[in-house]
Amino acid sequence: MALSADTVITIKPTSGIASFALSELWSYREVVFFLAWRTIKVKYK
């Protein structure tokens, strides 16, 4: 897909609590767990 020089693409974030996707958070639960664990480990070391 070729875009011309005059093409403008606007990306807007969704707003509100409905935009918070629990399914997306659940799919990345291991990453969230390890980031939280790292923060706790460093804070109380």
N, C-alpha and C. Protein backbone atom coordinates (compact mmCIF):
# COMPACT_ATOMS: atom_id res chain seq x y z
N MET A 1 0.85 -1.16 0.00
CA MET A 1 0.00 0.00 0.00
C MET A 1 0.90 1.23 0.00
N ALA A 2 0.87 1.98 -1.04
CA ALA A 2 1.67 3.19 -1.15
C ALA A 2 0.84 4.39 -0.73
N LEU A 3 1.42 5.22 0.12
CA LEU A 3 0.75 6.44 0.57
C LEU A 3 1.36 7.63 -0.16
N SER A 4 0.50 8.55 -0.55
CA SER A 4 1.01 9.75 -1.20
C SER A 4 1.51 10.73 -0.15
N ALA A 5 2.20 11.76 -0.55
CA ALA A 5 2.75 12.76 0.36
C ALA A 5 1.66 13.56 1.05
N ASP A 6 0.46 13.60 0.49
CA ASP A 6 -0.64 14.37 1.06
C ASP A 6 -1.48 13.56 2.06
N THR A 7 -1.19 12.30 2.21
CA THR A 7 -1.96 11.44 3.09
C THR A 7 -1.60 11.71 4.55
N VAL A 8 -2.62 11.92 5.37
CA VAL A 8 -2.43 12.15 6.80
C VAL A 8 -3.15 11.04 7.55
N ILE A 9 -2.44 10.38 8.42
CA ILE A 9 -3.03 9.32 9.23
C ILE A 9 -3.06 9.81 10.67
N THR A 10 -4.24 9.81 11.26
CA THR A 10 -4.41 10.25 12.65
C THR A 10 -4.72 9.04 13.50
N ILE A 11 -3.95 8.86 14.57
CA ILE A 11 -4.17 7.77 15.51
C ILE A 11 -4.62 8.39 16.83
N LYS A 12 -5.80 8.00 17.27
CA LYS A 12 -6.35 8.54 18.51
C LYS A 12 -6.50 7.41 19.53
N PRO A 13 -6.12 7.65 20.78
CA PRO A 13 -6.30 6.62 21.80
C PRO A 13 -7.76 6.50 22.20
N THR A 14 -8.14 5.31 22.62
CA THR A 14 -9.48 5.15 23.14
C THR A 14 -9.51 5.70 24.56
N SER A 15 -10.67 6.07 25.01
CA SER A 15 -10.77 6.65 26.34
C SER A 15 -11.80 5.88 27.15
N GLY A 16 -11.70 6.00 28.44
CA GLY A 16 -12.67 5.38 29.33
C GLY A 16 -12.21 4.02 29.81
N ILE A 17 -12.96 3.48 30.73
CA ILE A 17 -12.63 2.19 31.32
C ILE A 17 -12.86 1.05 30.33
N ALA A 18 -13.72 1.25 29.36
CA ALA A 18 -14.00 0.20 28.38
C ALA A 18 -12.79 -0.09 27.50
N SER A 19 -11.86 0.85 27.40
CA SER A 19 -10.70 0.63 26.57
C SER A 19 -9.66 -0.27 27.25
N PHE A 20 -9.82 -0.49 28.56
CA PHE A 20 -8.90 -1.34 29.29
C PHE A 20 -9.27 -2.80 29.02
N ALA A 21 -8.47 -3.46 28.23
CA ALA A 21 -8.80 -4.82 27.81
C ALA A 21 -8.21 -5.84 28.78
N LEU A 22 -9.05 -6.46 29.57
CA LEU A 22 -8.58 -7.47 30.51
C LEU A 22 -8.04 -8.69 29.79
N SER A 23 -8.59 -9.00 28.64
CA SER A 23 -8.10 -10.15 27.89
C SER A 23 -6.66 -9.92 27.42
N GLU A 24 -6.35 -8.69 27.06
CA GLU A 24 -4.99 -8.37 26.65
C GLU A 24 -4.04 -8.45 27.84
N LEU A 25 -4.46 -7.96 28.99
CA LEU A 25 -3.65 -8.05 30.20
C LEU A 25 -3.44 -9.51 30.58
N TRP A 26 -4.47 -10.32 30.44
CA TRP A 26 -4.37 -11.74 30.78
C TRP A 26 -3.39 -12.45 29.86
N SER A 27 -3.35 -12.06 28.60
CA SER A 27 -2.43 -12.72 27.67
C SER A 27 -0.98 -12.36 27.96
N TYR A 28 -0.75 -11.24 28.62
CA TYR A 28 0.61 -10.82 28.98
C TYR A 28 0.83 -10.94 30.49
N ARG A 29 0.12 -11.83 31.14
CA ARG A 29 0.20 -11.93 32.60
C ARG A 29 1.59 -12.31 33.09
N GLU A 30 2.33 -13.11 32.34
CA GLU A 30 3.67 -13.49 32.77
C GLU A 30 4.61 -12.28 32.77
N VAL A 31 4.49 -11.44 31.77
CA VAL A 31 5.31 -10.23 31.71
C VAL A 31 4.98 -9.31 32.87
N VAL A 32 3.69 -9.13 33.14
CA VAL A 32 3.26 -8.27 34.25
C VAL A 32 3.78 -8.84 35.57
N PHE A 33 3.69 -10.15 35.74
CA PHE A 33 4.17 -10.78 36.96
C PHE A 33 5.67 -10.55 37.15
N PHE A 34 6.47 -10.77 36.11
CA PHE A 34 7.91 -10.61 36.25
C PHE A 34 8.32 -9.16 36.46
N LEU A 35 7.62 -8.22 35.86
CA LEU A 35 7.92 -6.81 36.11
C LEU A 35 7.58 -6.42 37.54
N ALA A 36 6.46 -6.90 38.04
CA ALA A 36 6.09 -6.62 39.43
C ALA A 36 7.07 -7.28 40.39
N TRP A 37 7.44 -8.52 40.11
CA TRP A 37 8.39 -9.24 40.96
C TRP A 37 9.74 -8.53 40.99
N ARG A 38 10.21 -8.06 39.85
CA ARG A 38 11.47 -7.35 39.78
C ARG A 38 11.42 -6.06 40.61
N THR A 39 10.32 -5.34 40.52
CA THR A 39 10.17 -4.10 41.28
C THR A 39 10.19 -4.36 42.78
N ILE A 40 9.48 -5.37 43.22
CA ILE A 40 9.44 -5.71 44.64
C ILE A 40 10.81 -6.18 45.12
N LYS A 41 11.47 -6.99 44.32
CA LYS A 41 12.78 -7.53 44.69
C LYS A 41 13.82 -6.42 44.83
N VAL A 42 13.81 -5.47 43.93
CA VAL A 42 14.78 -4.36 43.97
C VAL A 42 14.47 -3.42 45.12
N LYS A 43 13.20 -3.18 45.37
CA LYS A 43 12.80 -2.25 46.42
C LYS A 43 13.18 -2.73 47.80
N TYR A 44 13.06 -4.01 48.06
CA TYR A 44 13.29 -4.55 49.39
C TYR A 44 14.62 -5.30 49.52
N LYS A 45 15.51 -5.12 48.58
CA LYS A 45 16.81 -5.79 48.65
C LYS A 45 17.72 -5.11 49.63
